């Protein structure tokens, strides 16, 4: 699973979906058929849209679908690759929705559930006796909103620390923010003019995966209050995190850090600075293991959970998670067939293990994570453990998810540059912008 830029999914977050002219049959609890489900369902061809695009990704998905076809030989699955959320949205609004749609991002789940763009799966989940506790609580939370389970988790991302063993020179990966600071300074190499040649760790939120949502769990920071309003300005954990971050940025020198950051290779290419020994430690997702195997086979590296606040040692081992979600859009022509495919892809251990082994994303059920068929070397196991940790968190579902993240990330970029004279006042202003947007959305 790869990161999807927020700009790609912004359109859905800004507009609520409406039903197309042809709504199609709805997905609800149906009378229990006699015999097996495979015998009861008539033959049909169902459309599946997903965002996977590379040959390896598409093949992995096809292999998983092949397992479904053995169980339901009368159902033909027509898969369309490389589909983004805005395309799904437009299809639903135009009455041309696929039967099944999968998304790389969880940012739109709240909007989908609230607007009815994706159908509530709760009735058929209950009818089929599916126990959702086979999923970690955090995975259940990012696939539902306002009491509606309109999606289920397919595969998950978990975030941790990657470190270059040669550059570490025997040092253990840091467990606290103070240890991260100390090691960053120790591993950073500068030239005679003070320019950065090797960075121990880059604290800027503008660097690749260092978004506020990914670094917030390091201090247990809260995004929202129970009433849905922003908690960024009132939760002292954000101030704690940003104070630590700014001190490290200032140690580098903001301008020198920016010059170095902008000189680095593309995140998704073989020129990634971690591969080239230009950055000793990075925050990244589990998928980086597969990319390292392809693009930096000789790199000796290790993985560990992210460091946490010194005063919150109980957070160590946890991190941020989100992932691919899948559901039945409103207007699906074959919702019962679609449900059987979704149920198979999200609960069948063999299917999840097949996808995980091929894509190197985290499988979401307890049985799939514990399967002896799952490839789990030490570096990948770190992320399985992070995903399963009881304190691992996600960005709570909200109808303005994309807007809220962009507002906060923009503020933090100004903060680290030194353009925010009063951190408390700045964080309260972030709250105001988020809360004003919530009011406009009917919150």
Protein backbone atom coordinates (compact mmCIF):
# COMPACT_ATOMS: atom_id res chain seq x y z
CA UNK A 1 0.00 0.00 0.00
CA UNK A 2 1.36 3.37 -0.89
CA UNK A 3 0.72 6.83 0.49
CA UNK A 4 -1.97 8.76 -1.39
CA UNK A 5 -1.41 12.55 -1.42
CA UNK A 6 -4.19 14.45 0.32
CA UNK A 7 -4.77 16.53 -2.79
CA UNK A 8 -5.89 13.41 -4.63
CA UNK A 9 -8.73 12.78 -2.20
CA UNK A 10 -9.67 16.36 -1.30
CA UNK A 11 -12.65 16.52 -3.66
CA UNK A 12 -14.64 13.94 -1.74
CA UNK A 13 -13.99 15.57 1.61
CA UNK A 14 -15.39 18.87 0.38
CA UNK A 15 -18.68 17.59 -1.04
CA UNK A 16 -21.20 15.10 0.21
CA UNK A 17 -22.14 12.29 -2.12
CA UNK A 18 -25.67 12.03 -3.41
CA UNK A 19 -27.39 9.06 -4.93
CA UNK A 20 -27.39 8.61 -8.68
CA UNK A 21 -30.55 8.44 -10.72
CA UNK A 22 -30.52 4.67 -10.56
CA UNK A 23 -30.03 3.80 -6.92
CA UNK A 24 -29.90 0.05 -7.44
CA UNK A 25 -30.80 -2.57 -4.82
CA UNK A 26 -29.72 -1.88 -1.27
CA UNK A 27 -27.58 -4.07 0.90
CA UNK A 28 -29.52 -5.19 3.94
CA UNK A 29 -30.09 -8.30 5.96
CA UNK A 30 -31.66 -10.90 3.70
CA UNK A 31 -33.67 -14.04 4.52
CA UNK A 32 -31.29 -16.88 5.27
CA UNK A 33 -31.01 -19.02 2.12
CA UNK A 34 -31.23 -22.77 2.33
CA UNK A 35 -27.99 -24.57 1.56
CA UNK A 36 -24.63 -22.87 1.29
CA UNK A 37 -24.23 -19.27 0.18
CA UNK A 38 -22.39 -20.44 -2.93
CA UNK A 39 -25.42 -22.53 -3.92
CA UNK A 40 -27.96 -19.80 -3.12
CA UNK A 41 -26.49 -16.90 -5.10
CA UNK A 42 -27.29 -16.85 -8.82
CA UNK A 43 -24.62 -16.30 -11.44
CA UNK A 44 -23.50 -12.70 -11.85
CA UNK A 45 -20.63 -10.50 -12.94
CA UNK A 46 -19.61 -7.90 -10.36
CA UNK A 47 -17.42 -4.87 -10.79
CA UNK A 48 -14.57 -4.24 -8.36
CA UNK A 49 -12.67 -0.95 -8.43
CA UNK A 50 -9.39 -0.63 -6.55
CA UNK A 51 -6.36 1.63 -6.41
CA UNK A 52 -3.62 -0.97 -6.90
CA UNK A 53 -1.72 -0.27 -10.10
CA UNK A 54 1.67 -1.99 -10.32
CA UNK A 55 1.98 -5.44 -11.88
CA UNK A 56 2.87 -7.01 -8.53
CA UNK A 57 -0.06 -5.36 -6.75
CA UNK A 58 -2.56 -6.30 -9.43
CA UNK A 59 -1.34 -9.91 -9.52
CA UNK A 60 -1.65 -10.19 -5.74
CA UNK A 61 -5.22 -8.97 -5.91
CA UNK A 62 -6.01 -11.38 -8.73
CA UNK A 63 -4.56 -14.26 -6.70
CA UNK A 64 -6.83 -13.37 -3.78
CA UNK A 65 -9.86 -13.16 -6.07
CA UNK A 66 -8.97 -16.58 -7.49
CA UNK A 67 -9.56 -18.03 -4.03
CA UNK A 68 -12.98 -16.39 -3.98
CA UNK A 69 -13.80 -17.87 -7.40
CA UNK A 70 -13.16 -21.37 -6.06
CA UNK A 71 -15.81 -20.77 -3.44
CA UNK A 72 -18.20 -18.92 -5.76
CA UNK A 73 -17.54 -20.22 -9.28
CA UNK A 74 -20.74 -18.64 -10.57
CA UNK A 75 -19.56 -15.11 -9.71
CA UNK A 76 -17.23 -13.39 -12.17
CA UNK A 77 -15.22 -10.50 -10.74
CA UNK A 78 -14.30 -7.78 -13.21
CA UNK A 79 -11.55 -5.76 -11.57
CA UNK A 80 -10.51 -2.24 -12.60
CA UNK A 81 -7.14 -1.05 -11.30
CA UNK A 82 -5.74 2.37 -10.42
CA UNK A 83 -9.05 3.94 -9.41
CA UNK A 84 -8.94 6.94 -7.05
CA UNK A 85 -11.60 8.16 -4.63
CA UNK A 86 -12.81 11.04 -6.76
CA UNK A 87 -13.61 8.61 -9.57
CA UNK A 88 -15.60 6.43 -7.19
CA UNK A 89 -17.48 9.49 -5.94
CA UNK A 90 -18.39 10.67 -9.41
CA UNK A 91 -19.58 7.19 -10.39
CA UNK A 92 -21.86 7.00 -7.35
CA UNK A 93 -23.30 10.46 -8.00
CA UNK A 94 -23.85 9.58 -11.66
CA UNK A 95 -25.61 6.29 -10.96
CA UNK A 96 -22.73 4.23 -12.36
CA UNK A 97 -21.29 2.83 -9.15
CA UNK A 98 -19.28 -0.40 -9.13
CA UNK A 99 -20.45 -3.25 -6.92
CA UNK A 100 -17.33 -3.08 -4.75
CA UNK A 101 -14.88 -0.24 -4.22
CA UNK A 102 -11.58 -0.22 -2.33
CA UNK A 103 -9.68 2.89 -1.25
CA UNK A 104 -6.10 3.41 -0.10
CA UNK A 105 -7.14 6.12 2.36
CA UNK A 106 -9.38 6.26 5.43
CA UNK A 107 -9.86 10.02 5.14
CA UNK A 108 -13.21 9.68 3.38
CA UNK A 109 -14.87 6.99 5.50
CA UNK A 110 -16.83 9.50 7.61
CA UNK A 111 -18.17 11.29 4.55
CA UNK A 112 -19.08 8.01 2.86
CA UNK A 113 -20.91 6.73 5.93
CA UNK A 114 -22.69 10.00 6.69
CA UNK A 115 -23.84 10.66 3.12
CA UNK A 116 -24.84 7.07 2.42
CA UNK A 117 -22.42 6.93 -0.50
CA UNK A 118 -21.30 3.57 0.87
CA UNK A 119 -23.93 1.23 2.27
CA UNK A 120 -24.02 0.26 5.93
CA UNK A 121 -22.70 -3.29 6.28
CA UNK A 122 -23.99 -3.73 9.82
CA UNK A 123 -27.13 -5.76 8.92
CA UNK A 124 -25.25 -8.39 6.90
CA UNK A 125 -22.36 -8.49 9.36
CA UNK A 126 -24.84 -9.34 12.10
CA UNK A 127 -26.81 -11.74 9.89
CA UNK A 128 -23.70 -13.71 8.98
CA UNK A 129 -22.53 -13.81 12.58
CA UNK A 130 -19.23 -12.08 11.92
CA UNK A 131 -17.43 -11.18 15.13
CA UNK A 132 -15.64 -7.90 14.46
CA UNK A 133 -13.49 -8.35 17.55
CA UNK A 134 -11.22 -10.47 15.32
CA UNK A 135 -10.04 -7.01 14.22
CA UNK A 136 -8.07 -4.73 16.54
CA UNK A 137 -10.26 -1.94 17.94
CA UNK A 138 -8.31 0.68 16.04
CA UNK A 139 -9.12 -0.99 12.69
CA UNK A 140 -12.80 -1.09 13.60
CA UNK A 141 -12.69 2.61 14.42
CA UNK A 142 -11.25 3.84 11.12
CA UNK A 143 -13.74 1.86 9.02
CA UNK A 144 -16.92 3.15 10.67
CA UNK A 145 -18.56 6.46 11.52
CA UNK A 146 -21.57 7.54 13.55
CA UNK A 147 -22.68 3.96 14.19
CA UNK A 148 -22.43 2.88 10.55
CA UNK A 149 -19.91 0.22 9.50
CA UNK A 150 -19.88 1.30 5.86
CA UNK A 151 -16.44 -0.19 5.12
CA UNK A 152 -14.21 -2.99 6.39
CA UNK A 153 -10.40 -3.04 6.60
CA UNK A 154 -8.64 -4.93 3.82
CA UNK A 155 -4.95 -4.42 4.62
CA UNK A 156 -3.35 -2.04 7.10
CA UNK A 157 -0.38 0.27 7.32
CA UNK A 158 1.58 0.64 10.53
CA UNK A 159 4.37 3.15 11.13
CA UNK A 160 7.69 2.67 12.85
CA UNK A 161 11.37 3.57 12.79
CA UNK A 162 13.86 2.36 10.18
CA UNK A 163 17.55 2.72 10.99
CA UNK A 164 20.80 2.20 9.07
CA UNK A 165 22.89 -0.24 11.12
CA UNK A 166 26.20 0.87 9.61
CA UNK A 167 25.55 4.52 10.45
CA UNK A 168 24.28 3.62 13.93
CA UNK A 169 27.69 2.05 14.72
CA UNK A 170 26.26 -0.24 17.37
CA UNK A 171 23.84 2.25 18.93
CA UNK A 172 20.46 0.88 19.89
CA UNK A 173 17.37 2.44 18.28
CA UNK A 174 16.01 5.24 20.50
CA UNK A 175 12.97 4.61 22.67
CA UNK A 176 12.31 8.17 23.85
CA UNK A 177 12.33 11.60 22.24
CA UNK A 178 15.36 12.66 24.28
CA UNK A 179 17.23 9.57 23.08
CA UNK A 180 16.18 10.38 19.50
CA UNK A 181 17.51 13.92 19.87
CA UNK A 182 20.81 12.72 21.33
CA UNK A 183 21.31 10.09 18.63
CA UNK A 184 20.29 12.48 15.85
CA UNK A 185 22.99 14.92 16.88
CA UNK A 186 25.54 12.13 17.23
CA UNK A 187 24.88 10.71 13.76
CA UNK A 188 24.56 13.98 11.84
CA UNK A 189 27.54 14.86 9.65
CA UNK A 190 28.22 18.39 8.37
CA UNK A 191 30.78 19.85 6.00
CA UNK A 192 33.17 22.70 6.83
CA UNK A 193 30.45 25.27 6.13
CA UNK A 194 27.95 23.60 8.41
CA UNK A 195 25.90 22.17 5.58
CA UNK A 196 24.32 18.79 6.29
CA UNK A 197 25.88 15.80 4.55
CA UNK A 198 24.15 13.08 6.61
CA UNK A 199 21.13 13.71 8.85
CA UNK A 200 20.57 11.58 11.90
CA UNK A 201 16.80 12.13 11.71
CA UNK A 202 14.77 14.79 9.90
CA UNK A 203 12.13 16.33 12.23
CA UNK A 204 10.35 18.46 9.59
CA UNK A 205 6.69 17.63 8.86
CA UNK A 206 7.48 18.43 5.23
CA UNK A 207 9.71 15.36 4.99
CA UNK A 208 7.99 12.40 3.36
CA UNK A 209 5.94 10.49 5.96
CA UNK A 210 6.39 12.94 8.87
CA UNK A 211 2.81 14.22 8.82
CA UNK A 212 1.20 15.38 12.10
CA UNK A 213 -1.07 12.32 12.07
CA UNK A 214 1.95 9.99 11.89
CA UNK A 215 4.04 11.70 14.58
CA UNK A 216 1.21 12.53 16.99
CA UNK A 217 1.11 9.01 18.52
CA UNK A 218 4.70 9.51 19.72
CA UNK A 219 3.28 11.68 22.48
CA UNK A 220 -0.26 10.31 22.58
CA UNK A 221 -1.69 13.51 21.11
CA UNK A 222 -5.44 13.91 20.66
CA UNK A 223 -7.09 15.35 17.54
CA UNK A 224 -10.67 15.74 18.71
CA UNK A 225 -12.79 16.12 21.80
CA UNK A 226 -15.72 13.79 22.44
CA UNK A 227 -18.08 16.27 20.77
CA UNK A 228 -16.03 16.27 17.55
CA UNK A 229 -14.44 19.68 18.08
CA UNK A 230 -10.70 20.14 17.70
CA UNK A 231 -8.51 19.28 20.72
CA UNK A 232 -5.23 20.41 19.15
CA UNK A 233 -5.07 23.65 21.10
CA UNK A 234 -6.13 22.18 24.43
CA UNK A 235 -4.17 18.91 24.49
CA UNK A 236 -0.73 19.67 26.01
CA UNK A 237 0.74 16.70 24.13
CA UNK A 238 0.77 18.66 20.84
CA UNK A 239 2.67 21.51 22.47
CA UNK A 240 5.11 18.98 23.94
CA UNK A 241 5.70 17.41 20.53
CA UNK A 242 6.07 20.68 18.62
CA UNK A 243 8.42 22.12 21.23
CA UNK A 244 10.67 19.07 20.86
CA UNK A 245 10.46 19.24 17.08
CA UNK A 246 11.28 22.97 16.90
CA UNK A 247 14.31 22.59 19.16
CA UNK A 248 15.74 19.93 16.85
CA UNK A 249 14.96 21.98 13.73
CA UNK A 250 16.72 24.96 15.33
CA UNK A 251 19.74 22.80 16.17
CA UNK A 252 20.11 21.94 12.48
CA UNK A 253 19.25 25.47 11.38
CA UNK A 254 15.97 25.71 9.50
CA UNK A 255 17.51 27.02 6.28
CA UNK A 256 20.24 24.37 6.26
CA UNK A 257 17.70 21.63 6.99
CA UNK A 258 15.46 22.87 4.16
CA UNK A 259 18.39 23.03 1.75
CA UNK A 260 19.29 19.44 2.62
CA UNK A 261 15.70 18.20 2.48
CA UNK A 262 15.11 19.69 -0.95
CA UNK A 263 18.28 18.07 -2.29
CA UNK A 264 17.08 14.56 -1.49
CA UNK A 265 15.76 11.93 -3.90
CA UNK A 266 12.15 11.05 -4.55
CA UNK A 267 10.40 9.10 -1.79
CA UNK A 268 9.18 6.42 -4.19
CA UNK A 269 12.36 5.96 -6.24
CA UNK A 270 15.58 4.03 -5.83
CA UNK A 271 17.18 7.39 -4.93
CA UNK A 272 15.50 7.50 -1.54
CA UNK A 273 18.01 9.12 0.89
CA UNK A 274 17.70 6.28 3.40
CA UNK A 275 18.89 3.86 0.72
CA UNK A 276 21.86 6.11 -0.02
CA UNK A 277 22.98 6.55 3.60
CA UNK A 278 22.05 10.23 3.68
CA UNK A 279 19.56 9.83 6.55
CA UNK A 280 20.29 7.43 9.40
CA UNK A 281 16.79 7.06 10.84
CA UNK A 282 13.37 7.57 9.24
CA UNK A 283 9.72 7.29 10.16
CA UNK A 284 8.01 5.09 7.58
CA UNK A 285 5.37 2.46 6.95
CA UNK A 286 5.72 -1.31 6.74
CA UNK A 287 5.68 -1.22 2.92
CA UNK A 288 9.22 0.22 2.93
CA UNK A 289 10.51 -3.28 3.66
CA UNK A 290 9.36 -4.46 0.22
CA UNK A 291 10.85 -1.40 -1.46
CA UNK A 292 14.16 -1.92 0.29
CA UNK A 293 14.20 -5.53 -0.90
CA UNK A 294 13.80 -4.30 -4.48
CA UNK A 295 15.90 -1.14 -4.52
CA UNK A 296 18.51 -1.52 -1.76
CA UNK A 297 19.15 -5.22 -1.34
CA UNK A 298 22.54 -4.74 0.29
CA UNK A 299 21.45 -2.18 2.88
CA UNK A 300 21.85 -3.50 6.42
CA UNK A 301 18.95 -1.96 8.32
CA UNK A 302 16.69 -2.61 11.26
CA UNK A 303 13.22 -1.57 12.39
CA UNK A 304 11.75 -0.61 15.74
CA UNK A 305 8.70 1.14 17.16
CA UNK A 306 8.81 4.94 17.09
CA UNK A 307 10.34 6.74 20.08
CA UNK A 308 7.82 8.20 22.51
CA UNK A 309 7.60 11.02 25.03
CA UNK A 310 9.97 10.50 27.95
CA UNK A 311 7.10 10.83 30.43
CA UNK A 312 4.88 8.31 28.59
CA UNK A 313 6.93 5.09 28.39
CA UNK A 314 3.74 3.01 28.21
CA UNK A 315 3.26 4.26 24.64
CA UNK A 316 6.42 2.53 23.42
CA UNK A 317 5.57 -0.21 20.98
CA UNK A 318 2.54 1.62 19.63
CA UNK A 319 2.26 3.94 16.65
CA UNK A 320 -0.05 5.18 13.92
CA UNK A 321 -2.14 2.93 11.70
CA UNK A 322 -4.62 3.29 8.85
CA UNK A 323 -5.11 1.27 5.70
CA UNK A 324 -7.07 0.13 2.69
CA UNK A 325 -10.82 0.04 3.18
CA UNK A 326 -13.42 -1.70 1.06
CA UNK A 327 -17.21 -1.44 0.81
CA UNK A 328 -20.38 -1.55 -1.28
CA UNK A 329 -21.23 1.81 -2.90
CA UNK A 330 -24.79 3.02 -3.12
CA UNK A 331 -26.21 1.95 -6.46
CA UNK A 332 -24.35 -1.36 -6.64
CA UNK A 333 -26.24 -3.66 -8.98
CA UNK A 334 -25.31 -6.87 -7.16
CA UNK A 335 -24.95 -5.95 -3.47
CA UNK A 336 -25.33 -9.48 -2.08
CA UNK A 337 -22.65 -10.82 -4.42
CA UNK A 338 -20.53 -7.81 -3.53
CA UNK A 339 -20.90 -8.54 0.17
CA UNK A 340 -19.71 -12.12 -0.29
CA UNK A 341 -16.56 -10.84 -2.03
CA UNK A 342 -15.89 -8.26 0.67
CA UNK A 343 -16.47 -10.80 3.43
CA UNK A 344 -14.02 -13.16 1.77
CA UNK A 345 -11.30 -10.57 1.15
CA UNK A 346 -11.50 -9.10 4.67
CA UNK A 347 -12.07 -12.18 6.86
CA UNK A 348 -10.61 -15.19 5.04
CA UNK A 349 -7.19 -15.94 6.50
CA UNK A 350 -5.77 -17.42 3.31
CA UNK A 351 -6.83 -14.39 1.27
CA UNK A 352 -5.34 -11.91 3.72
CA UNK A 353 -2.08 -13.85 3.98
CA UNK A 354 -1.84 -14.05 0.17
CA UNK A 355 -2.24 -10.28 -0.11
CA UNK A 356 0.11 -9.50 2.78
CA UNK A 357 2.89 -11.76 1.54
CA UNK A 358 2.72 -10.21 -1.92
CA UNK A 359 2.25 -6.56 -0.96
CA UNK A 360 4.00 -6.55 2.44
CA UNK A 361 1.14 -4.74 4.14
CA UNK A 362 -0.21 -5.77 7.51
CA UNK A 363 -3.12 -8.28 7.45
CA UNK A 364 -5.92 -7.13 9.71
CA UNK A 365 -7.40 -10.15 11.50
CA UNK A 366 -5.81 -11.84 14.48
CA UNK A 367 -5.85 -15.21 12.69
CA UNK A 368 -4.04 -13.84 9.63
CA UNK A 369 -1.40 -12.09 11.76
CA UNK A 370 -0.76 -15.35 13.60
CA UNK A 371 -0.85 -17.59 10.52
CA UNK A 372 2.24 -19.78 10.04
CA UNK A 373 1.97 -19.02 6.31
CA UNK A 374 2.52 -15.31 6.88
CA UNK A 375 6.04 -14.16 5.96
CA UNK A 376 7.17 -12.29 9.05
CA UNK A 377 10.89 -11.67 9.29
CA UNK A 378 12.12 -9.50 12.17
CA UNK A 379 11.89 -6.23 10.26
CA UNK A 380 8.29 -6.87 9.18
CA UNK A 381 7.23 -8.28 12.55
CA UNK A 382 7.89 -4.86 14.10
CA UNK A 383 4.89 -3.53 12.21
CA UNK A 384 2.66 -6.48 13.04
CA UNK A 385 3.38 -5.77 16.70
CA UNK A 386 2.75 -2.04 16.30
CA UNK A 387 -0.59 -2.72 14.61
CA UNK A 388 -1.65 -5.11 17.39
CA UNK A 389 -0.51 -2.82 20.25
CA UNK A 390 -3.48 -1.69 22.38
CA UNK A 391 -2.29 1.93 22.39
CA UNK A 392 -1.77 2.17 18.62
CA UNK A 393 -4.00 4.94 17.30
CA UNK A 394 -5.38 6.37 14.09
CA UNK A 395 -6.81 9.64 12.89
CA UNK A 396 -10.42 9.56 14.10
CA UNK A 397 -13.02 9.65 11.35
CA UNK A 398 -14.51 13.06 10.63
CA UNK A 399 -16.27 14.57 7.64
CA UNK A 400 -13.57 17.24 7.27
CA UNK A 401 -10.56 14.97 7.67
CA UNK A 402 -8.58 16.24 4.69
CA UNK A 403 -9.20 19.91 5.50
CA UNK A 404 -8.26 19.45 9.16
CA UNK A 405 -4.98 17.72 8.34
CA UNK A 406 -4.02 20.34 5.77
CA UNK A 407 -4.74 23.22 8.15
CA UNK A 408 -2.64 21.69 10.90
CA UNK A 409 0.23 20.62 8.64
CA UNK A 410 0.38 24.14 7.17
CA UNK A 411 0.57 25.59 10.65
CA UNK A 412 3.35 23.23 11.74
CA UNK A 413 5.40 24.11 8.64
CA UNK A 414 5.16 27.79 9.65
CA UNK A 415 6.01 26.91 13.24
CA UNK A 416 9.19 25.02 12.39
CA UNK A 417 10.26 27.90 10.11
CA UNK A 418 10.00 30.31 13.03
CA UNK A 419 7.00 32.22 11.68
CA UNK A 420 4.74 31.55 14.68
CA UNK A 421 5.51 33.93 17.59
CA UNK A 422 3.05 32.34 20.05
CA UNK A 423 2.57 28.56 19.93
CA UNK A 424 -0.46 28.53 22.25
CA UNK A 425 -2.26 31.21 20.26
CA UNK A 426 -1.37 29.50 17.00
CA UNK A 427 -2.75 26.15 18.13
CA UNK A 428 -5.97 27.82 19.31
CA UNK A 429 -6.31 29.39 15.87
CA UNK A 430 -5.97 25.93 14.31
CA UNK A 431 -8.82 24.81 16.57
CA UNK A 432 -10.94 27.75 15.41
CA UNK A 433 -10.40 26.99 11.72
CA UNK A 434 -11.29 23.32 12.23
CA UNK A 435 -14.33 24.11 14.39
CA UNK A 436 -15.61 26.76 11.97
CA UNK A 437 -15.41 24.25 9.16
CA UNK A 438 -17.25 21.71 11.32
CA UNK A 439 -20.11 24.18 11.85
CA UNK A 440 -20.38 24.74 8.11
CA UNK A 441 -20.63 20.97 7.68
CA UNK A 442 -23.51 20.72 10.12
CA UNK A 443 -21.45 19.51 13.07
